[in-house]
Amino acid sequence: MVGGGAIGSAIALELTQRGHSVTLLERQTIGSGASSNNAGLLVPEVRPDAPPLMARFWQRSLEEYQPFLQAIAEITGTTVPLEVLGRLQVWLNGEAPEDLRNHAAIQREAGIRAEVLDPAGVRALEPKLVGELVGAILFPDHARLDSAAMTASAADAARKLGATIREGREVTSLIVERGRVCGVQLRSESIASDWVVLCAGAASGSIRGLASTLPVRPVKGQILSCRPPEQQIRTIVAAPPVIGGLIPQPDGRMLIASTYEDAGFDVRPTAGAAHDLLAGALKVLPDLRHATLEGGRAGLRPFTPDGMPIIGQAQDGLLVATGHGRMGIVSTPLTAKVVADLVDGREPPIPLEAFRPDRFAS
C-alpha cells in the first residue's frame, strides 16, 4: 500500500480484516496530507461538476460510514463521532426560485434527501443568517466528522489486526518484472508484494514505473478556524459562490471552507485566502466579526480531468485509488470495500466503468 491518508488507511484496514498481509508505506506521517487538512464534510450532492453517478457513489459511501466507524471502535476502543448536522444550501437574491426547486428534485432522483425551504423556513432554522434569501435546500443527512482522527484510528485498527505501518518511507518507483508489478522501490530498500495499491493522493502520478500516465493534479484548499463568543449556527451552511461552508464544531469552534486554487504543491496558508474566506463568511453571518481567529491550514486535493476518481486495476499487479478531489473523506469506506473486492477477485458492490484508470489513455 502506497499512501497513508484516509483512503489508504481504510483500505489497509479492510484488507487486514479479510486476512491479507498488508504493509502501508507513508512518506510523511499517517494523515499528514489532505486527510487532516479539510473540513471533514460528508455531503453527497449532484452538482454541475458531479453527475448523478458520482453523487450516488458518495451517498452509498456515506451509508457505509457507521459500520466502518463501529468496526474501528470495536478494534481500537476509540470512538470517532459522526455528527449528522444537516446542511443548508442557501440561495441568495438574484438566483431563480425555480432553479432551487429543480436542484432539489435532481437530488431526490439520485436518492439524496433534499427539502426546499422558503425564506421564513430558513430564518426559523438559522435566525442569524442575513441577506436577501430566495430560499434554501436542506440536506438532512449531511454530516461531519474529524477526518484526522478517523484516518489515524483506521490505521491504528489495521495495525492492531497485523498490518505493518511504516511512516517516513517514500516510494520512488514500482518494481515491474515480466510485465507485472511485483513490489515497490524505496530510497534504501525494495519490498516485494503480490499486489501494490497506489493511493498517494495528489502525488500518485509521480511514481515511476507506471505503464500509463495518471493525470492527477493537486488543487489547494484552504480553511480557517475561528471561535465565536456564542453559537452562531446549528447546521452546516453553504451559500455558493459566496462561501463554500460554515461548519460548527463540537468544541465551539467554526470552520470556514474553502478555497479552490491551482497552486501546485504549495501548502502554505495565505493572507489572500484568509481574506476571501472571511469576507464570504461575514456576508451571510456578520456576527462572526466578533469571533477569535485561530488560524488556517491548507491541503492538496487530488483532482482528475473529468472530476471523477480513478479506481481499479491500472496494470497487472497494480490497483489504483486516487483522484477523489474534495470528496475523499466521504468516499473512504466504499472505496476501501471496492479495492478489497478487487484484490479478492470479487465483483465490487458498484460498477467501476466510469472510474477505470485507462479512461484517459489517448
Foldseek 3Di string as FASTA:
>chain_A
DEAQELQQLQLLLLQLVVPDAAEYEAQADHNPFVLQAAFQKLDQFDDPLAHLVRSLLLVVLLVCPVVSQVLLCVQPVDHWDKFQQKEKAWEAPPDDLVVQVVRQVSCVVSVFHKDWAAPVRVCVQFVQWDHHTRTIIIRRRIIGTRSSVSSVSSNVSSVSSPYHYDYSWDFAAFDDDPFAGFWTDTPPDTDGHQAAEQAHAQCSQRHPDQPDGQAKFWWKKKKWKWAAPDDRHRHWYQHPPLFGTWAADPVRMIMGIIDTHRDGQDWDDDPVRVVSSVRSVCNTRVSCVRIGTDDMTMHIGIAHPSRPWAFAARTHRYTYTYHNGSNCSSSRNLSSQQNSCVVVVHDRPDDCPVRHSCPPPD
